[in-house]
Amino acid sequence: MKLVKLLANLGYGSRKQVAWMFREGRVTDAAGDVLYADDQVGHADVRVDGEALDPPLGLTLLLHKPPGYTCSTKDTGRLVYDLLPPRFRLRSPVLSTVGRLDRETGGLLLFTDDGQLLHRIISPKAALPKVYEATLAEPLRGNEGVLFASGAMLLEADNTPLKPAVLDVLSPTQARLTITEGRYHQVRRMFAAVGNHVVALHRSRVGGLALDDLPEGAWRALDAADIARLMTADG
């Protein structure tokens, strides 16, 4: 791929804007020698204004989403893309969220520009477990775990029962819920169906991939080992 196209695909600007960057001598190799649009140079050896290039195409990253951010590029207010480098919004292929977390839910959020990987992750066939920690308005009654695990629970406005889910009680008003689906506001609706209300919700794991010690608001690119771990049922 020509360097001018590579930089445009990474969001550094339109092809015309990137072409001007070459004319101005802003694109160099690691040794500081000026590069030209038709040069064949490895991604790791290219510098723009002296800085290494953003991660290459085929990027998958993990963000520790804070509550209060929306999974969108167009809505008003605080957006999850505000937590990433600005150029990431302009990448081609698009860097998309893998599913969504609602605005007030925090925790593990994935992005990728790999369409095949995105579909592998969200496919019902994958049945990747997603783990949430919920803080509830009312104490648990004690029968929620049996109902959630039954495979017969039907949410309002849905036509098919939920797949079995696992509830771990952490305290009278705190619970860990593991689901293998991704229905609209599923966790909040499950607790609402048993007469409770989720005060705070946090996703801590998808597949075998966990947030670990990643600070809130921070992100990191995933490598091949991370992707392999993501696609397993546990870590």
Protein backbone atom coordinates (compact mmCIF):
# COMPACT_ATOMS: atom_id res chain seq x y z
CA MET A 1 0.00 0.00 0.00
CA LYS A 2 1.30 3.46 -0.88
CA LEU A 3 2.22 5.56 2.13
CA VAL A 4 -0.22 8.32 1.14
CA LYS A 5 -3.11 5.82 1.22
CA LEU A 6 -1.86 4.23 4.45
CA LEU A 7 -1.80 7.55 6.29
CA ALA A 8 -5.20 8.55 4.93
CA ASN A 9 -6.68 5.21 6.06
CA LEU A 10 -5.19 5.76 9.52
CA GLY A 11 -7.08 9.06 9.79
CA TYR A 12 -4.21 11.52 9.33
CA GLY A 13 -6.31 13.41 6.76
CA SER A 14 -7.74 13.15 3.28
CA ARG A 15 -5.39 11.97 0.54
CA LYS A 16 -4.94 15.59 -0.50
CA GLN A 17 -4.10 16.64 3.05
CA VAL A 18 -1.69 13.71 3.48
CA ALA A 19 -0.03 14.53 0.15
CA TRP A 20 0.72 18.02 1.51
CA MET A 21 2.28 16.43 4.60
CA PHE A 22 4.75 14.66 2.31
CA ARG A 23 5.48 17.89 0.41
CA GLU A 24 6.16 19.66 3.70
CA GLY A 25 8.64 16.95 4.74
CA ARG A 26 6.59 15.95 7.79
CA VAL A 27 6.72 12.23 6.98
CA THR A 28 10.08 10.61 7.68
CA ASP A 29 11.61 7.27 8.51
CA ALA A 30 12.93 6.34 11.96
CA ALA A 31 16.30 7.91 11.14
CA GLY A 32 14.68 11.22 10.23
CA ASP A 33 15.09 10.96 6.45
CA VAL A 34 12.20 12.41 4.46
CA LEU A 35 9.86 9.88 2.88
CA TYR A 36 7.83 10.21 -0.29
CA ALA A 37 4.32 9.02 -1.06
CA ASP A 38 5.47 6.10 -3.24
CA ASP A 39 8.15 4.80 -0.85
CA GLN A 40 7.83 1.23 0.42
CA VAL A 41 8.54 1.40 4.16
CA GLY A 42 7.37 -0.81 7.02
CA HIS A 43 4.68 0.61 9.30
CA ALA A 44 6.97 0.63 12.33
CA ASP A 45 9.60 2.70 10.48
CA VAL A 46 7.33 5.61 9.52
CA ARG A 47 7.16 8.82 11.55
CA VAL A 48 4.78 11.78 11.25
CA ASP A 49 6.14 14.94 12.84
CA GLY A 50 8.65 12.69 14.56
CA GLU A 51 6.00 10.47 16.15
CA ALA A 52 5.41 6.78 15.42
CA LEU A 53 2.29 5.94 13.43
CA ASP A 54 -0.96 5.00 15.12
CA PRO A 55 -1.62 1.23 15.36
CA PRO A 56 -1.99 -0.42 11.94
CA LEU A 57 -5.21 -1.52 10.28
CA GLY A 58 -6.61 -4.65 11.86
CA LEU A 59 -6.78 -2.80 15.17
CA THR A 60 -8.80 -4.17 18.08
CA LEU A 61 -8.70 -2.31 21.35
CA LEU A 62 -10.15 -2.51 24.83
CA LEU A 63 -11.46 0.58 26.61
CA HIS A 64 -12.38 0.90 30.27
CA LYS A 65 -15.53 2.90 29.65
CA PRO A 66 -16.58 5.28 32.42
CA PRO A 67 -20.30 5.75 33.11
CA GLY A 68 -21.77 8.77 31.37
CA TYR A 69 -20.30 8.15 27.91
CA THR A 70 -22.42 7.13 24.89
CA CYS A 71 -21.37 4.47 22.37
CA SER A 72 -21.84 6.67 19.31
CA THR A 73 -19.97 8.96 16.92
CA LYS A 74 -22.89 11.33 16.35
CA ASP A 75 -24.87 11.82 19.57
CA THR A 76 -24.45 14.96 21.65
CA GLY A 77 -22.70 14.91 25.01
CA ARG A 78 -19.75 12.76 26.00
CA LEU A 79 -18.93 9.97 23.53
CA VAL A 80 -16.66 6.96 23.96
CA TYR A 81 -14.64 8.16 20.96
CA ASP A 82 -13.69 11.24 22.98
CA LEU A 83 -11.52 8.90 25.07
CA LEU A 84 -9.50 7.77 22.03
CA PRO A 85 -7.02 9.67 19.84
CA PRO A 86 -9.07 12.01 17.58
CA ARG A 87 -7.78 10.40 14.36
CA PHE A 88 -9.33 7.09 15.36
CA ARG A 89 -12.76 8.41 14.31
CA LEU A 90 -11.44 8.95 10.76
CA ARG A 91 -9.86 5.55 10.21
CA SER A 92 -10.91 3.44 7.23
CA PRO A 93 -12.17 0.78 7.73
CA VAL A 94 -14.18 2.34 10.54
CA LEU A 95 -13.18 1.56 14.12
CA SER A 96 -16.54 0.37 15.48
CA THR A 97 -17.70 -0.55 18.95
CA VAL A 98 -18.31 -4.28 19.34
CA GLY A 99 -21.87 -4.10 20.60
CA ARG A 100 -22.73 -1.33 23.04
CA LEU A 101 -22.86 -0.42 26.67
CA ASP A 102 -25.63 2.00 27.59
CA ARG A 103 -24.62 5.48 28.69
CA GLU A 104 -24.65 4.78 32.43
CA THR A 105 -22.96 1.36 32.24
CA GLY A 106 -19.20 1.30 32.66
CA GLY A 107 -16.54 -1.31 32.11
CA LEU A 108 -15.09 -3.38 29.29
CA LEU A 109 -15.85 -2.07 25.81
CA LEU A 110 -14.24 -3.40 22.64
CA PHE A 111 -13.56 -1.63 19.34
CA THR A 112 -12.35 -3.14 16.08
CA ASP A 113 -11.91 -2.29 12.40
CA ASP A 114 -11.84 -6.03 11.57
CA GLY A 115 -15.34 -6.85 10.31
CA GLN A 116 -14.82 -10.60 10.41
CA LEU A 117 -13.66 -10.50 14.02
CA LEU A 118 -16.57 -8.26 14.98
CA HIS A 119 -19.06 -10.77 13.61
CA ARG A 120 -17.25 -13.66 15.32
CA ILE A 121 -17.54 -11.90 18.68
CA ILE A 122 -21.21 -10.91 18.42
CA SER A 123 -22.42 -14.06 16.66
CA PRO A 124 -24.98 -16.00 18.73
CA LYS A 125 -22.98 -19.12 17.86
CA ALA A 126 -20.01 -17.78 19.79
CA ALA A 127 -22.07 -17.52 22.99
CA LEU A 128 -19.26 -15.62 24.66
CA PRO A 129 -19.94 -15.07 28.36
CA LYS A 130 -20.26 -11.43 29.43
CA VAL A 131 -19.86 -10.71 33.13
CA TYR A 132 -21.54 -7.76 34.84
CA GLU A 133 -21.44 -6.48 38.41
CA ALA A 134 -24.72 -4.86 39.43
CA THR A 135 -25.59 -2.69 42.41
CA LEU A 136 -29.30 -2.94 43.15
CA ALA A 137 -31.83 -0.63 44.73
CA GLU A 138 -33.46 -3.41 46.76
CA PRO A 139 -32.11 -6.53 48.49
CA LEU A 140 -32.25 -9.73 46.47
CA ARG A 141 -35.16 -11.99 47.39
CA GLY A 142 -33.28 -15.25 46.94
CA ASN A 143 -35.10 -16.83 44.00
CA GLU A 144 -33.53 -14.73 41.22
CA GLY A 145 -30.70 -17.18 40.53
CA VAL A 146 -33.06 -20.07 39.83
CA LEU A 147 -35.20 -17.95 37.51
CA PHE A 148 -32.22 -16.54 35.61
CA ALA A 149 -30.73 -20.02 35.17
CA SER A 150 -33.98 -21.63 34.02
CA GLY A 151 -33.77 -20.80 30.33
CA ALA A 152 -37.49 -20.01 30.51
CA MET A 153 -37.39 -16.35 31.54
CA LEU A 154 -39.25 -14.15 29.06
CA LEU A 155 -38.68 -10.41 29.11
CA GLU A 156 -41.41 -7.94 28.26
CA ALA A 157 -41.69 -7.32 24.48
CA ASP A 158 -39.47 -10.34 23.69
CA ASN A 159 -40.74 -13.40 21.83
CA THR A 160 -38.13 -15.93 22.94
CA PRO A 161 -36.94 -16.85 26.43
CA LEU A 162 -33.51 -15.84 27.64
CA LYS A 163 -30.70 -18.34 27.57
CA PRO A 164 -29.67 -19.54 31.03
CA ALA A 165 -27.64 -16.98 33.01
CA VAL A 166 -25.57 -17.41 36.17
CA LEU A 167 -26.17 -15.19 39.20
CA ASP A 168 -23.57 -14.90 41.96
CA VAL A 169 -24.75 -13.02 45.04
CA LEU A 170 -22.02 -10.74 46.42
CA SER A 171 -24.12 -9.00 49.08
CA PRO A 172 -27.85 -8.39 49.62
CA THR A 173 -27.75 -5.57 47.06
CA GLN A 174 -24.80 -6.58 44.89
CA ALA A 175 -24.64 -9.37 42.34
CA ARG A 176 -22.50 -10.70 39.52
CA LEU A 177 -24.45 -11.85 36.46
CA THR A 178 -22.98 -13.86 33.58
CA ILE A 179 -24.97 -13.89 30.34
CA THR A 180 -24.23 -15.25 26.87
CA GLU A 181 -26.55 -12.98 24.90
CA GLY A 182 -26.58 -9.29 24.13
CA ARG A 183 -30.18 -8.19 24.12
CA TYR A 184 -31.13 -4.55 24.50
CA HIS A 185 -30.51 -3.45 28.12
CA GLN A 186 -30.66 -7.13 29.03
CA VAL A 187 -29.18 -7.03 32.54
CA ARG A 188 -31.25 -4.04 33.61
CA ARG A 189 -34.42 -5.62 32.19
CA MET A 190 -33.73 -8.95 33.91
CA PHE A 191 -33.56 -7.32 37.33
CA ALA A 192 -36.56 -5.13 36.53
CA ALA A 193 -38.52 -8.29 35.70
CA VAL A 194 -37.97 -9.55 39.27
CA GLY A 195 -39.03 -6.25 40.79
CA ASN A 196 -35.63 -4.64 41.30
CA HIS A 197 -33.74 -1.71 39.84
CA VAL A 198 -30.08 -1.51 38.82
CA VAL A 199 -28.44 1.50 40.42
CA ALA A 200 -24.98 0.92 38.91
CA LEU A 201 -23.73 -1.55 36.32
CA HIS A 202 -20.20 -2.52 35.31
CA ARG A 203 -19.01 -5.06 32.72
CA SER A 204 -15.82 -6.74 33.88
CA ARG A 205 -15.26 -9.52 31.35
CA VAL A 206 -16.07 -10.69 27.80
CA GLY A 207 -15.09 -14.23 26.93
CA GLY A 208 -11.73 -14.83 28.59
CA LEU A 209 -10.71 -11.18 28.47
CA ALA A 210 -10.94 -9.02 31.60
CA LEU A 211 -10.21 -5.38 32.38
CA ASP A 212 -7.56 -6.37 34.92
CA ASP A 213 -5.87 -3.18 36.19
CA LEU A 214 -6.66 -0.92 33.23
CA PRO A 215 -7.70 2.46 34.72
CA GLU A 216 -11.10 3.95 33.99
CA GLY A 217 -10.99 5.98 30.77
CA ALA A 218 -7.83 4.23 29.52
CA TRP A 219 -7.47 1.94 26.51
CA ARG A 220 -4.98 -0.53 25.08
CA ALA A 221 -4.55 -2.30 21.76
CA LEU A 222 -5.04 -6.06 21.81
CA ASP A 223 -2.49 -8.49 20.45
CA ALA A 224 -3.01 -11.99 19.03
CA ALA A 225 -2.83 -13.59 22.49
CA ASP A 226 -5.50 -11.20 23.78
CA ILE A 227 -7.79 -12.04 20.85
CA ALA A 228 -7.33 -15.76 21.47
CA ARG A 229 -8.17 -15.24 25.14
CA LEU A 230 -11.19 -13.12 24.23
CA MET A 231 -12.65 -15.94 22.14
CA THR A 232 -12.53 -18.46 25.02
CA ALA A 233 -15.11 -19.01 27.72
CA ASP A 234 -12.72 -18.22 30.55
CA GLY A 235 -9.29 -16.80 31.25
